[in-house]
Amino acid sequence: MISDHIPDEITILAFRYLMDEHDLGKQIFQVDKADHKANGMAIQQGTIIDGILIPALSDTSTRTKPE
């Protein structure tokens, strides 16, 4: 059964703490960023959610509006 292969909440939380302890989130993001750059794409900022990179909106509050 597939549910036998899905980690439980405690396992996922332990993995998250281990990643945080070793600062692996930043390292993973840097590797992915370098891979995208090698393929002609750029990532400025992003958020890892459920193992998926999504684009982050840039801060528009400091941009001047055209007159």
Protein backbone atom coordinates (compact mmCIF):
# COMPACT_ATOMS: atom_id res chain seq x y z
CA MET A 1 0.00 0.00 0.00
CA ILE A 2 1.34 3.46 -0.90
CA SER A 3 0.52 4.93 2.53
CA ASP A 4 3.12 2.57 4.00
CA HIS A 5 5.79 4.53 2.11
CA ILE A 6 4.69 8.03 3.18
CA PRO A 7 6.69 9.36 6.15
CA ASP A 8 4.72 10.39 9.20
CA GLU A 9 4.58 13.91 10.62
CA ILE A 10 7.34 13.27 13.19
CA THR A 11 9.74 12.00 10.51
CA ILE A 12 9.08 15.04 8.29
CA LEU A 13 9.54 17.43 11.21
CA ALA A 14 12.81 15.72 12.21
CA PHE A 15 14.04 16.04 8.62
CA ARG A 16 13.10 19.74 8.58
CA TYR A 17 15.01 20.37 11.82
CA LEU A 18 18.02 18.49 10.46
CA MET A 19 17.97 20.63 7.28
CA ASP A 20 17.73 23.81 9.37
CA GLU A 21 20.52 22.68 11.70
CA HIS A 22 22.90 22.21 8.77
CA ASP A 23 21.60 25.19 6.74
CA LEU A 24 20.77 22.85 3.85
CA GLY A 25 17.86 24.93 2.54
CA LYS A 26 20.24 27.70 1.44
CA GLN A 27 22.66 25.17 -0.03
CA ILE A 28 19.91 23.46 -2.03
CA PHE A 29 18.68 26.82 -3.30
CA GLN A 30 22.22 27.84 -4.36
CA VAL A 31 22.70 24.58 -6.29
CA ASP A 32 19.35 25.03 -8.03
CA LYS A 33 20.13 28.68 -8.75
CA ALA A 34 23.48 27.69 -10.34
CA ASP A 35 21.76 25.01 -12.42
CA HIS A 36 19.21 27.51 -13.71
CA LYS A 37 21.96 30.02 -14.49
CA ALA A 38 23.85 27.37 -16.48
CA ASN A 39 20.68 26.90 -18.52
CA GLY A 40 20.23 30.63 -19.22
CA MET A 41 17.65 31.31 -16.50
CA ALA A 42 17.91 33.44 -13.39
CA ILE A 43 16.44 33.09 -9.91
CA GLN A 44 16.70 36.13 -7.69
CA GLN A 45 14.57 34.97 -4.78
CA GLY A 46 12.37 32.03 -4.05
CA THR A 47 10.70 29.98 -1.40
CA ILE A 48 10.87 26.24 -0.98
CA ILE A 49 7.41 24.96 -0.16
CA ASP A 50 6.75 21.23 -0.08
CA GLY A 51 9.95 20.68 -2.04
CA ILE A 52 8.86 22.96 -4.89
CA LEU A 53 10.56 26.22 -5.83
CA ILE A 54 8.12 29.01 -6.57
CA PRO A 55 8.99 32.50 -7.79
CA ALA A 56 8.93 35.25 -5.19
CA LEU A 57 7.47 38.60 -6.09
CA SER A 58 10.00 41.37 -6.10
CA ASP A 59 9.49 44.28 -3.75
CA THR A 60 7.65 46.95 -5.71
CA SER A 61 7.26 49.38 -2.79
CA THR A 62 10.61 51.07 -3.55
CA ARG A 63 10.04 51.52 -7.27
CA THR A 64 9.16 54.94 -8.57
CA LYS A 65 5.96 55.21 -10.54
CA PRO A 66 6.16 56.62 -14.07
CA GLU A 67 4.65 60.07 -14.37
